[in-house]
Amino acid sequence: MARDSHKEWDYTVVDTSNNTTTIATVPTLVRGVYINTTLSAHTVVLDDGANPVITIPASATAGNYYDIEGGRFLTSFIVDPDDSSTGSITVFYRTLEYI
């Protein structure tokens, strides 16, 4: 059964010290990114498997929320921080396989 695609968002907490985290391997809508723990002096890139789509700035501070308003990632949704990054973010998203 399909879920109500207009109300529900999934989330994943990402430890940015991991080199790459694949959130989804299908087209995905991204709602936003919440900074749980202040990021180190390294950017965190959100990409679609082929292209960087959004870059969260280095040293983004805890408590900030980046509202992406349902930006569409066409092929997949990957969090790709710098190899030396530290911090924690929560990403809110919805895969399009349900629609």
Protein backbone atom coordinates (compact mmCIF):
# COMPACT_ATOMS: atom_id res chain seq x y z
CA MET A 1 0.00 0.00 0.00
CA ALA A 2 1.35 3.44 -0.90
CA ARG A 3 1.85 5.86 1.92
CA ASP A 4 0.42 9.38 1.96
CA SER A 5 3.14 11.08 -0.08
CA HIS A 6 2.02 14.58 0.89
CA LYS A 7 2.57 14.31 4.64
CA GLU A 8 5.28 11.83 5.44
CA TRP A 9 9.07 12.29 5.24
CA ASP A 10 11.73 9.72 6.09
CA TYR A 11 14.93 10.68 7.87
CA THR A 12 18.44 9.35 8.30
CA VAL A 13 21.08 10.51 10.77
CA VAL A 14 24.47 10.67 9.04
CA ASP A 15 27.83 10.64 10.82
CA THR A 16 29.93 12.80 8.51
CA SER A 17 33.14 11.03 9.53
CA ASN A 18 31.97 8.21 7.22
CA ASN A 19 33.35 8.94 3.78
CA THR A 20 30.12 8.41 1.81
CA THR A 21 26.58 7.46 2.86
CA THR A 22 24.07 6.36 0.24
CA ILE A 23 20.61 7.31 1.46
CA ALA A 24 18.65 6.11 -1.60
CA THR A 25 19.38 4.57 -5.00
CA VAL A 26 16.19 5.85 -6.62
CA PRO A 27 14.98 9.39 -7.43
CA THR A 28 14.43 11.25 -4.17
CA LEU A 29 12.86 14.46 -2.88
CA VAL A 30 14.95 16.09 -0.17
CA ARG A 31 13.12 18.27 2.34
CA GLY A 32 16.03 19.55 4.39
CA VAL A 33 19.13 19.00 6.48
CA TYR A 34 19.42 19.59 10.24
CA ILE A 35 22.87 20.03 11.77
CA ASN A 36 22.99 17.89 14.94
CA THR A 37 26.65 18.42 15.81
CA THR A 38 28.72 21.33 14.49
CA LEU A 39 30.60 20.28 11.35
CA SER A 40 34.36 20.42 11.15
CA ALA A 41 36.12 22.77 8.75
CA HIS A 42 34.99 20.63 5.80
CA THR A 43 32.00 20.89 3.49
CA VAL A 44 29.35 18.18 3.15
CA VAL A 45 28.10 17.59 -0.39
CA LEU A 46 24.69 16.15 -1.21
CA ASP A 47 24.79 14.60 -4.66
CA ASP A 48 22.66 12.56 -7.03
CA GLY A 49 25.31 9.96 -7.83
CA ALA A 50 26.71 11.94 -10.73
CA ASN A 51 26.67 15.62 -9.76
CA PRO A 52 26.99 17.69 -6.60
CA VAL A 53 23.57 19.25 -5.97
CA ILE A 54 23.90 21.07 -2.64
CA THR A 55 26.90 21.86 -0.45
CA ILE A 56 26.50 22.38 3.29
CA PRO A 57 29.20 24.86 4.32
CA ALA A 58 32.20 23.94 6.42
CA SER A 59 31.78 24.60 10.15
CA ALA A 60 27.96 24.74 9.91
CA THR A 61 26.79 25.02 13.50
CA ALA A 62 24.52 22.71 15.47
CA GLY A 63 20.87 23.71 15.45
CA ASN A 64 20.86 25.12 11.92
CA TYR A 65 18.35 23.76 9.42
CA TYR A 66 18.82 23.98 5.65
CA ASP A 67 15.38 23.96 4.02
CA ILE A 68 15.62 22.48 0.55
CA GLU A 69 11.84 22.50 -0.03
CA GLY A 70 11.55 19.15 -1.78
CA GLY A 71 14.53 19.43 -4.12
CA ARG A 72 14.55 16.49 -6.55
CA PHE A 73 17.64 14.30 -6.79
CA LEU A 74 17.17 12.57 -10.14
CA THR A 75 18.95 9.23 -9.78
CA SER A 76 19.95 8.73 -6.13
CA PHE A 77 20.65 10.61 -2.90
CA ILE A 78 24.17 10.47 -1.47
CA VAL A 79 25.83 12.35 1.38
CA ASP A 80 29.49 12.78 0.48
CA PRO A 81 31.49 14.72 3.09
CA ASP A 82 35.18 15.49 2.85
CA ASP A 83 37.34 12.54 3.95
CA SER A 84 38.34 14.37 7.15
CA SER A 85 34.89 15.68 8.08
CA THR A 86 33.38 15.29 11.53
CA GLY A 87 29.88 16.08 12.74
CA SER A 88 26.36 14.74 12.48
CA ILE A 89 23.42 15.72 10.29
CA THR A 90 19.84 14.52 9.88
CA VAL A 91 18.47 14.50 6.35
CA PHE A 92 14.73 14.48 5.65
CA TYR A 93 13.71 12.93 2.34
CA ARG A 94 11.11 10.92 0.45
CA THR A 95 11.94 8.40 -2.26
CA LEU A 96 9.86 8.63 -5.41
CA GLU A 97 9.41 4.89 -5.83
CA TYR A 98 6.11 5.21 -3.90
CA ILE A 99 4.57 7.78 -6.19
